[in-house]
Amino acid sequence: MNSIRGKWALITGATSGFGHATAERFAQAGCNLIITGRRTEKLEAFEHVLNEKYGVKVLAYCFDVRNLNQCVEMANDLASREIVPDILVNNAGLASGKDKIHEGLIGDWEKMIDTNVKGLLYITRSILPMMVARNDGHVINIGSVAGHIVYPEGNVYNATKFAVKALNEAINLDLAGTNVRCCSIDPGAAETEFSKVRFHGDEDKAQKVYEGFKPLQAEDIADIIFYVATSPPHVNITNLVVYPTAQRSAYVLHREVKKEEE
């Protein structure tokens, strides 16, 4: 395996879910961290925990990946510190709303497109040139099984994740001839803040998504990201799809039915 001790990993959307778990997993291995997020208090508290608990260097940047200028400002600040991320985890992303296309909210659509597609592009365009110039690095994009198969009322979210899949393939082609690697990790049903955000804070709707089966946990995906990031330099895992055992596609998910008490 390829050790990441002492290296630098940039993880977007690190205040919760996959990003939070991945930052902690990397810190356990002695990897220095650059973490981003939109929630200042959570980000600063997490920065303190990572530094104190694991003794790694941590840089925290509070901004929204939808803001190109702030993405560039972060990259410029890293360059001024002579820090080139060894690993970029494009994790920031979300689903907003679950409606038929003719009933969808334009605001939800714009939020998903701007975060899932444009945000990934902004960060990648800001960081990848440094990796290419050094001829070393690893880009890991968090996609979704929603980028492989469209499901009812997924429409625009599906479209953004299909875009991530296409961009991941395109990045790999454009990096041919370099030592920079690129992978998309595409989870199925995973229990994070995902559904709560999708249903605009409705806890009941969010909980029902995970009833009757054991969904993936954030730590499961963090372990997979760590595996990809620590694979030997000559190994480029370009795409990895992972479901919970109860789920075999977007359409096939086995839920245990609770027996009524007599």
C-alpha atoms as a PDB file:
ATOM      1  CA  MET A   1       0.000   0.000   0.000  1.00  0.00           C
ATOM      2  CA  ASN A   2       1.015   3.604  -0.559  1.00  0.00           C
ATOM      3  CA  SER A   3       1.466   5.487   2.731  1.00  0.00           C
ATOM      4  CA  ILE A   4      -0.202   8.892   3.006  1.00  0.00           C
ATOM      5  CA  ARG A   5       1.549   9.871   6.244  1.00  0.00           C
ATOM      6  CA  GLY A   6       2.801  13.425   5.989  1.00  0.00           C
ATOM      7  CA  LYS A   7       0.982  14.069   2.722  1.00  0.00           C
ATOM      8  CA  TRP A   8      -1.745  16.688   2.218  1.00  0.00           C
ATOM      9  CA  ALA A   9      -5.368  15.801   1.408  1.00  0.00           C
ATOM     10  CA  LEU A  10      -7.964  18.403   0.433  1.00  0.00           C
ATOM     11  CA  ILE A  11     -11.501  17.316   1.315  1.00  0.00           C
ATOM     12  CA  THR A  12     -14.512  19.443   0.393  1.00  0.00           C
ATOM     13  CA  GLY A  13     -17.737  19.241   2.383  1.00  0.00           C
ATOM     14  CA  ALA A  14     -15.869  18.032   5.465  1.00  0.00           C
ATOM     15  CA  THR A  15     -18.342  19.145   8.141  1.00  0.00           C
ATOM     16  CA  SER A  16     -20.539  16.041   7.855  1.00  0.00           C
ATOM     17  CA  GLY A  17     -21.110  12.702   6.167  1.00  0.00           C
ATOM     18  CA  PHE A  18     -18.509  11.170   3.865  1.00  0.00           C
ATOM     19  CA  GLY A  19     -16.230  14.196   4.059  1.00  0.00           C
ATOM     20  CA  HIS A  20     -16.155  14.249   7.849  1.00  0.00           C
ATOM     21  CA  ALA A  21     -15.513  10.504   8.107  1.00  0.00           C
ATOM     22  CA  THR A  22     -12.837  10.623   5.397  1.00  0.00           C
ATOM     23  CA  ALA A  23     -10.974  13.461   7.093  1.00  0.00           C
ATOM     24  CA  GLU A  24     -10.902  11.484  10.327  1.00  0.00           C
ATOM     25  CA  ARG A  25      -9.777   8.299   8.544  1.00  0.00           C
ATOM     26  CA  PHE A  26      -6.950  10.128   6.808  1.00  0.00           C
ATOM     27  CA  ALA A  27      -5.903  11.876  10.028  1.00  0.00           C
ATOM     28  CA  GLN A  28      -5.649   8.483  11.741  1.00  0.00           C
ATOM     29  CA  ALA A  29      -3.065   7.577   9.101  1.00  0.00           C
ATOM     30  CA  GLY A  30      -1.040  10.735   9.754  1.00  0.00           C
ATOM     31  CA  CYS A  31      -2.215  12.641   6.683  1.00  0.00           C
ATOM     32  CA  ASN A  32      -2.295  16.449   6.888  1.00  0.00           C
ATOM     33  CA  LEU A  33      -5.630  17.952   5.949  1.00  0.00           C
ATOM     34  CA  ILE A  34      -7.170  20.855   4.103  1.00  0.00           C
ATOM     35  CA  ILE A  35     -10.868  20.847   4.943  1.00  0.00           C
ATOM     36  CA  THR A  36     -13.648  23.007   3.525  1.00  0.00           C
ATOM     37  CA  GLY A  37     -17.265  23.551   4.453  1.00  0.00           C
ATOM     38  CA  ARG A  38     -19.969  26.175   4.713  1.00  0.00           C
ATOM     39  CA  ARG A  39     -20.643  25.979   8.466  1.00  0.00           C
ATOM     40  CA  THR A  40     -17.983  27.995  10.253  1.00  0.00           C
ATOM     41  CA  GLU A  41     -18.535  26.732  13.804  1.00  0.00           C
ATOM     42  CA  LYS A  42     -18.611  23.073  12.761  1.00  0.00           C
ATOM     43  CA  LEU A  43     -15.565  23.467  10.543  1.00  0.00           C
ATOM     44  CA  GLU A  44     -13.486  25.231  13.188  1.00  0.00           C
ATOM     45  CA  ALA A  45     -14.490  22.717  15.869  1.00  0.00           C
ATOM     46  CA  PHE A  46     -13.551  19.825  13.579  1.00  0.00           C
ATOM     47  CA  GLU A  47     -10.227  21.461  12.741  1.00  0.00           C
ATOM     48  CA  HIS A  48      -9.435  21.635  16.470  1.00  0.00           C
ATOM     49  CA  VAL A  49     -10.435  17.999  17.071  1.00  0.00           C
ATOM     50  CA  LEU A  50      -8.316  16.686  14.187  1.00  0.00           C
ATOM     51  CA  ASN A  51      -5.302  18.653  15.295  1.00  0.00           C
ATOM     52  CA  GLU A  52      -5.568  17.758  18.966  1.00  0.00           C
ATOM     53  CA  LYS A  53      -6.586  14.109  18.552  1.00  0.00           C
ATOM     54  CA  TYR A  54      -4.256  13.082  15.757  1.00  0.00           C
ATOM     55  CA  GLY A  55      -1.480  15.697  15.801  1.00  0.00           C
ATOM     56  CA  VAL A  56      -1.708  16.377  12.071  1.00  0.00           C
ATOM     57  CA  LYS A  57      -1.568  19.755  10.377  1.00  0.00           C
ATOM     58  CA  VAL A  58      -5.007  21.084   9.479  1.00  0.00           C
ATOM     59  CA  LEU A  59      -6.013  24.062   7.342  1.00  0.00           C
ATOM     60  CA  ALA A  60      -9.709  25.001   7.316  1.00  0.00           C
ATOM     61  CA  TYR A  61     -11.363  27.163   4.660  1.00  0.00           C
ATOM     62  CA  CYS A  62     -14.982  28.153   5.189  1.00  0.00           C
ATOM     63  CA  PHE A  63     -16.695  28.833   1.863  1.00  0.00           C
ATOM     64  CA  ASP A  64     -19.198  27.430  -0.619  1.00  0.00           C
ATOM     65  CA  VAL A  65     -17.760  25.521  -3.591  1.00  0.00           C
ATOM     66  CA  ARG A  66     -20.375  27.271  -5.729  1.00  0.00           C
ATOM     67  CA  ASN A  67     -18.303  30.441  -5.369  1.00  0.00           C
ATOM     68  CA  LEU A  68     -15.533  30.353  -7.988  1.00  0.00           C
ATOM     69  CA  ASN A  69     -13.643  33.318  -6.552  1.00  0.00           C
ATOM     70  CA  GLN A  70     -13.384  31.657  -3.139  1.00  0.00           C
ATOM     71  CA  CYS A  71     -12.203  28.387  -4.701  1.00  0.00           C
ATOM     72  CA  VAL A  72      -9.449  30.300  -6.483  1.00  0.00           C
ATOM     73  CA  GLU A  73      -8.579  32.243  -3.318  1.00  0.00           C
ATOM     74  CA  MET A  74      -8.099  28.988  -1.431  1.00  0.00           C
ATOM     75  CA  ALA A  75      -5.871  27.579  -4.174  1.00  0.00           C
ATOM     76  CA  ASN A  76      -3.820  30.783  -4.242  1.00  0.00           C
ATOM     77  CA  ASP A  77      -3.402  30.672  -0.469  1.00  0.00           C
ATOM     78  CA  LEU A  78      -2.194  27.077  -0.666  1.00  0.00           C
ATOM     79  CA  ALA A  79       0.264  28.056  -3.395  1.00  0.00           C
ATOM     80  CA  SER A  80       1.570  30.912  -1.214  1.00  0.00           C
ATOM     81  CA  ARG A  81       2.221  28.326   1.518  1.00  0.00           C
ATOM     82  CA  GLU A  82       3.914  26.082  -1.072  1.00  0.00           C
ATOM     83  CA  ILE A  83       1.359  23.349  -0.412  1.00  0.00           C
ATOM     84  CA  VAL A  84       0.236  21.152  -3.293  1.00  0.00           C
ATOM     85  CA  PRO A  85      -2.504  18.700  -2.271  1.00  0.00           C
ATOM     86  CA  ASP A  86      -1.464  15.111  -2.863  1.00  0.00           C
ATOM     87  CA  ILE A  87      -5.096  14.005  -2.751  1.00  0.00           C
ATOM     88  CA  LEU A  88      -8.241  15.923  -3.692  1.00  0.00           C
ATOM     89  CA  VAL A  89     -11.545  14.474  -2.515  1.00  0.00           C
ATOM     90  CA  ASN A  90     -14.377  16.248  -4.332  1.00  0.00           C
ATOM     91  CA  ASN A  91     -17.007  15.327  -1.774  1.00  0.00           C
ATOM     92  CA  ALA A  92     -19.203  18.452  -1.542  1.00  0.00           C
ATOM     93  CA  GLY A  93     -22.568  17.627  -3.064  1.00  0.00           C
ATOM     94  CA  LEU A  94     -26.251  17.299  -2.308  1.00  0.00           C
ATOM     95  CA  ALA A  95     -29.722  16.360  -3.419  1.00  0.00           C
ATOM     96  CA  SER A  96     -32.426  18.987  -3.016  1.00  0.00           C
ATOM     97  CA  GLY A  97     -36.024  17.967  -3.532  1.00  0.00           C
ATOM     98  CA  LYS A  98     -37.557  14.825  -4.991  1.00  0.00           C
ATOM     99  CA  ASP A  99     -40.274  15.880  -7.392  1.00  0.00           C
ATOM    100  CA  LYS A 100     -41.499  15.077 -10.865  1.00  0.00           C
ATOM    101  CA  ILE A 101     -39.728  17.214 -13.478  1.00  0.00           C
ATOM    102  CA  HIS A 102     -42.886  19.263 -14.171  1.00  0.00           C
ATOM    103  CA  GLU A 103     -43.297  19.985 -10.453  1.00  0.00           C
ATOM    104  CA  GLY A 104     -39.666  20.616  -9.528  1.00  0.00           C
ATOM    105  CA  LEU A 105     -38.443  23.795  -7.876  1.00  0.00           C
ATOM    106  CA  ILE A 106     -35.994  25.815  -9.954  1.00  0.00           C
ATOM    107  CA  GLY A 107     -34.112  26.767  -6.791  1.00  0.00           C
ATOM    108  CA  ASP A 108     -33.511  23.079  -6.013  1.00  0.00           C
ATOM    109  CA  TRP A 109     -32.249  22.466  -9.538  1.00  0.00           C
ATOM    110  CA  GLU A 110     -29.829  25.383  -9.458  1.00  0.00           C
ATOM    111  CA  LYS A 111     -28.489  24.368  -6.041  1.00  0.00           C
ATOM    112  CA  MET A 112     -27.742  20.823  -7.251  1.00  0.00           C
ATOM    113  CA  ILE A 113     -26.227  21.852 -10.572  1.00  0.00           C
ATOM    114  CA  ASP A 114     -24.132  24.605  -9.011  1.00  0.00           C
ATOM    115  CA  THR A 115     -22.838  22.378  -6.201  1.00  0.00           C
ATOM    116  CA  ASN A 116     -22.552  18.925  -7.756  1.00  0.00           C
ATOM    117  CA  VAL A 117     -21.264  19.937 -11.182  1.00  0.00           C
ATOM    118  CA  LYS A 118     -19.959  23.488 -11.186  1.00  0.00           C
ATOM    119  CA  GLY A 119     -18.547  23.253  -7.652  1.00  0.00           C
ATOM    120  CA  LEU A 120     -16.626  20.098  -8.558  1.00  0.00           C
ATOM    121  CA  LEU A 121     -15.332  21.836 -11.678  1.00  0.00           C
ATOM    122  CA  TYR A 122     -14.320  24.987  -9.823  1.00  0.00           C
ATOM    123  CA  ILE A 123     -12.316  23.089  -7.214  1.00  0.00           C
ATOM    124  CA  THR A 124     -10.762  20.752  -9.766  1.00  0.00           C
ATOM    125  CA  ARG A 125      -9.777  23.613 -12.089  1.00  0.00           C
ATOM    126  CA  SER A 126      -8.214  25.429  -9.127  1.00  0.00           C
ATOM    127  CA  ILE A 127      -6.214  22.476  -7.760  1.00  0.00           C
ATOM    128  CA  LEU A 128      -5.497  20.086 -10.639  1.00  0.00           C
ATOM    129  CA  PRO A 129      -2.978  22.352 -12.443  1.00  0.00           C
ATOM    130  CA  MET A 130      -0.728  22.139  -9.364  1.00  0.00           C
ATOM    131  CA  MET A 131      -0.846  18.349  -9.467  1.00  0.00           C
ATOM    132  CA  VAL A 132      -0.153  18.237 -13.207  1.00  0.00           C
ATOM    133  CA  ALA A 133       2.780  20.649 -12.830  1.00  0.00           C
ATOM    134  CA  ARG A 134       4.250  18.369 -10.166  1.00  0.00           C
ATOM    135  CA  ASN A 135       3.252  15.269 -12.168  1.00  0.00           C
ATOM    136  CA  ASP A 136       1.765  13.596  -9.107  1.00  0.00           C
ATOM    137  CA  GLY A 137      -1.580  13.561  -7.346  1.00  0.00           C
ATOM    138  CA  HIS A 138      -4.891  11.783  -6.936  1.00  0.00           C
ATOM    139  CA  VAL A 139      -8.383  13.154  -7.598  1.00  0.00           C
ATOM    140  CA  ILE A 140     -11.226  11.231  -5.970  1.00  0.00           C
ATOM    141  CA  ASN A 141     -14.731  12.311  -6.962  1.00  0.00           C
ATOM    142  CA  ILE A 142     -17.765  11.261  -4.937  1.00  0.00           C
ATOM    143  CA  GLY A 143     -20.418  10.291  -7.420  1.00  0.00           C
ATOM    144  CA  SER A 144     -23.478   8.101  -6.886  1.00  0.00           C
ATOM    145  CA  VAL A 145     -25.279   5.103  -8.271  1.00  0.00           C
ATOM    146  CA  ALA A 146     -27.697   7.840  -9.377  1.00  0.00           C
ATOM    147  CA  GLY A 147     -25.112   8.548 -12.052  1.00  0.00           C
ATOM    148  CA  HIS A 148     -25.546   5.030 -13.454  1.00  0.00           C
ATOM    149  CA  ILE A 149     -29.311   4.578 -13.466  1.00  0.00           C
ATOM    150  CA  VAL A 150     -32.158   7.106 -13.398  1.00  0.00           C
ATOM    151  CA  TYR A 151     -34.916   6.576 -10.856  1.00  0.00           C
ATOM    152  CA  PRO A 152     -38.358   8.218 -10.553  1.00  0.00           C
ATOM    153  CA  GLU A 153     -38.269  11.805  -9.263  1.00  0.00           C
ATOM    154  CA  GLY A 154     -34.477  11.796  -9.344  1.00  0.00           C
ATOM    155  CA  ASN A 155     -34.295  13.736 -12.659  1.00  0.00           C
ATOM    156  CA  VAL A 156     -31.971  16.714 -12.030  1.00  0.00           C
ATOM    157  CA  TYR A 157     -30.035  15.014  -9.230  1.00  0.00           C
ATOM    158  CA  ASN A 158     -29.531  12.035 -11.556  1.00  0.00           C
ATOM    159  CA  ALA A 159     -28.387  14.416 -14.282  1.00  0.00           C
ATOM    160  CA  THR A 160     -25.768  15.997 -12.020  1.00  0.00           C
ATOM    161  CA  LYS A 161     -24.374  12.627 -11.009  1.00  0.00           C
ATOM    162  CA  PHE A 162     -24.336  11.423 -14.616  1.00  0.00           C
ATOM    163  CA  ALA A 163     -22.298  14.580 -15.246  1.00  0.00           C
ATOM    164  CA  VAL A 164     -19.876  13.628 -12.459  1.00  0.00           C
ATOM    165  CA  LYS A 165     -19.461  10.203 -14.056  1.00  0.00           C
ATOM    166  CA  ALA A 166     -18.752  11.782 -17.448  1.00  0.00           C
ATOM    167  CA  LEU A 167     -16.359  14.337 -15.965  1.00  0.00           C
ATOM    168  CA  ASN A 168     -14.500  11.611 -14.082  1.00  0.00           C
ATOM    169  CA  GLU A 169     -13.978   9.709 -17.335  1.00  0.00           C
ATOM    170  CA  ALA A 170     -12.951  12.914 -19.129  1.00  0.00           C
ATOM    171  CA  ILE A 171     -10.468  13.885 -16.412  1.00  0.00           C
ATOM    172  CA  ASN A 172      -8.848  10.461 -16.690  1.00  0.00           C
ATOM    173  CA  LEU A 173      -8.490  10.834 -20.461  1.00  0.00           C
ATOM    174  CA  ASP A 174      -7.057  14.340 -20.145  1.00  0.00           C
ATOM    175  CA  LEU A 175      -4.524  13.136 -17.563  1.00  0.00           C
ATOM    176  CA  ALA A 176      -3.139  10.409 -19.825  1.00  0.00           C
ATOM    177  CA  GLY A 177       0.629  10.720 -19.914  1.00  0.00           C
ATOM    178  CA  THR A 178       0.828  12.074 -16.359  1.00  0.00           C
ATOM    179  CA  ASN A 179       1.144  10.317 -13.013  1.00  0.00           C
ATOM    180  CA  VAL A 180      -2.028  11.987 -11.715  1.00  0.00           C
ATOM    181  CA  ARG A 181      -4.802   9.496 -11.049  1.00  0.00           C
ATOM    182  CA  CYS A 182      -8.573   9.971 -10.925  1.00  0.00           C
ATOM    183  CA  CYS A 183     -11.372   7.856  -9.440  1.00  0.00           C
ATOM    184  CA  SER A 184     -15.110   8.154  -8.937  1.00  0.00           C
ATOM    185  CA  ILE A 185     -16.600   6.378  -5.932  1.00  0.00           C
ATOM    186  CA  ASP A 186     -20.333   5.882  -6.386  1.00  0.00           C
ATOM    187  CA  PRO A 187     -22.337   4.876  -3.280  1.00  0.00           C
ATOM    188  CA  GLY A 188     -25.844   3.513  -3.105  1.00  0.00           C
ATOM    189  CA  ALA A 189     -28.120   4.122  -0.117  1.00  0.00           C
ATOM    190  CA  ALA A 190     -26.040   5.665   2.664  1.00  0.00           C
ATOM    191  CA  GLU A 191     -27.256   7.092   5.950  1.00  0.00           C
ATOM    192  CA  THR A 192     -25.861  10.617   6.281  1.00  0.00           C
ATOM    193  CA  GLU A 193     -27.492  14.067   6.227  1.00  0.00           C
ATOM    194  CA  PHE A 194     -28.255  13.381   2.540  1.00  0.00           C
ATOM    195  CA  SER A 195     -31.965  12.616   2.893  1.00  0.00           C
ATOM    196  CA  LYS A 196     -32.531  15.306   5.508  1.00  0.00           C
ATOM    197  CA  VAL A 197     -31.122  17.863   3.072  1.00  0.00           C
ATOM    198  CA  ARG A 198     -33.043  16.371   0.139  1.00  0.00           C
ATOM    199  CA  PHE A 199     -36.333  16.705   2.025  1.00  0.00           C
ATOM    200  CA  HIS A 200     -35.533  20.216   3.242  1.00  0.00           C
ATOM    201  CA  GLY A 201     -35.102  19.221   6.878  1.00  0.00           C
ATOM    202  CA  ASP A 202     -38.095  16.864   7.156  1.00  0.00           C
ATOM    203  CA  GLU A 203     -36.769  14.293   9.667  1.00  0.00           C
ATOM    204  CA  ASP A 204     -39.695  11.867   9.241  1.00  0.00           C
ATOM    205  CA  LYS A 205     -39.270  11.604   5.481  1.00  0.00           C
ATOM    206  CA  ALA A 206     -35.520  11.263   5.876  1.00  0.00           C
ATOM    207  CA  GLN A 207     -35.811   8.410   8.384  1.00  0.00           C
ATOM    208  CA  LYS A 208     -38.222   6.453   6.188  1.00  0.00           C
ATOM    209  CA  VAL A 209     -35.582   6.247   3.459  1.00  0.00           C
ATOM    210  CA  TYR A 210     -33.521   3.907   5.647  1.00  0.00           C
ATOM    211  CA  GLU A 211     -36.279   1.820   7.239  1.00  0.00           C
ATOM    212  CA  GLY A 212     -36.087  -1.964   7.033  1.00  0.00           C
ATOM    213  CA  PHE A 213     -32.466  -2.397   5.966  1.00  0.00           C
ATOM    214  CA  LYS A 214     -28.899  -1.580   6.969  1.00  0.00           C
ATOM    215  CA  PRO A 215     -27.668   1.307   4.805  1.00  0.00           C
ATOM    216  CA  LEU A 216     -24.070   2.197   4.137  1.00  0.00           C
ATOM    217  CA  GLN A 217     -22.457   4.367   6.793  1.00  0.00           C
ATOM    218  CA  ALA A 218     -20.153   7.325   6.213  1.00  0.00           C
ATOM    219  CA  GLU A 219     -17.269   5.299   7.667  1.00  0.00           C
ATOM    220  CA  ASP A 220     -17.785   2.586   5.025  1.00  0.00           C
ATOM    221  CA  ILE A 221     -17.201   5.093   2.241  1.00  0.00           C
ATOM    222  CA  ALA A 222     -14.282   6.667   4.123  1.00  0.00           C
ATOM    223  CA  ASP A 223     -12.602   3.241   4.259  1.00  0.00           C
ATOM    224  CA  ILE A 224     -13.078   2.829   0.508  1.00  0.00           C
ATOM    225  CA  ILE A 225     -11.711   6.307  -0.226  1.00  0.00           C
ATOM    226  CA  PHE A 226      -8.715   5.464   1.961  1.00  0.00           C
ATOM    227  CA  TYR A 227      -8.186   2.198   0.058  1.00  0.00           C
ATOM    228  CA  VAL A 228      -8.222   4.012  -3.276  1.00  0.00           C
ATOM    229  CA  ALA A 229      -5.935   6.787  -2.008  1.00  0.00           C
ATOM    230  CA  THR A 230      -3.386   4.303  -0.679  1.00  0.00           C
ATOM    231  CA  SER A 231      -3.295   2.025  -3.708  1.00  0.00           C
ATOM    232  CA  PRO A 232       0.175   1.688  -5.314  1.00  0.00           C
ATOM    233  CA  PRO A 233       1.152   4.550  -7.662  1.00  0.00           C
ATOM    234  CA  HIS A 234       0.938   2.289 -10.725  1.00  0.00           C
ATOM    235  CA  VAL A 235      -2.687   1.350  -9.896  1.00  0.00           C
ATOM    236  CA  ASN A 236      -5.487   3.661 -11.056  1.00  0.00           C
ATOM    237  CA  ILE A 237      -8.945   2.612  -9.879  1.00  0.00           C
ATOM    238  CA  THR A 238     -11.141   4.725 -12.138  1.00  0.00           C
ATOM    239  CA  ASN A 239     -14.593   3.829 -10.827  1.00  0.00           C
ATOM    240  CA  LEU A 240     -15.950   1.962  -7.834  1.00  0.00           C
ATOM    241  CA  VAL A 241     -19.652   1.310  -7.203  1.00  0.00           C
ATOM    242  CA  VAL A 242     -20.761   0.257  -3.724  1.00  0.00           C
ATOM    243  CA  TYR A 243     -24.189  -0.726  -2.418  1.00  0.00           C
ATOM    244  CA  PRO A 244     -25.376  -1.873   0.981  1.00  0.00           C
ATOM    245  CA  THR A 245     -25.946  -5.626   0.865  1.00  0.00           C
ATOM    246  CA  ALA A 246     -29.708  -5.124   0.964  1.00  0.00           C
ATOM    247  CA  GLN A 247     -29.574  -3.051  -2.228  1.00  0.00           C
ATOM    248  CA  ARG A 248     -28.580  -4.372  -5.650  1.00  0.00           C
ATOM    249  CA  SER A 249     -29.640  -1.442  -7.859  1.00  0.00           C
ATOM    250  CA  ALA A 250     -31.581   1.807  -7.592  1.00  0.00           C
ATOM    251  CA  TYR A 251     -34.693  -0.343  -8.099  1.00  0.00           C
ATOM    252  CA  VAL A 252     -33.877  -3.439  -6.064  1.00  0.00           C
ATOM    253  CA  LEU A 253     -33.700  -2.892  -2.317  1.00  0.00           C
ATOM    254  CA  HIS A 254     -34.850  -5.498   0.171  1.00  0.00           C
ATOM    255  CA  ARG A 255     -36.530  -4.148   3.295  1.00  0.00           C
ATOM    256  CA  GLU A 256     -37.381  -6.318   6.272  1.00  0.00           C
ATOM    257  CA  VAL A 257     -41.016  -5.922   7.290  1.00  0.00           C
ATOM    258  CA  LYS A 258     -41.491  -5.560  11.018  1.00  0.00           C
ATOM    259  CA  LYS A 259     -43.890  -8.108  12.438  1.00  0.00           C
ATOM    260  CA  GLU A 260     -46.752  -6.601  14.375  1.00  0.00           C
ATOM    261  CA  GLU A 261     -46.757  -7.440  18.058  1.00  0.00           C
ATOM    262  CA  GLU A 262     -49.535  -9.765  19.074  1.00  0.00           C
END
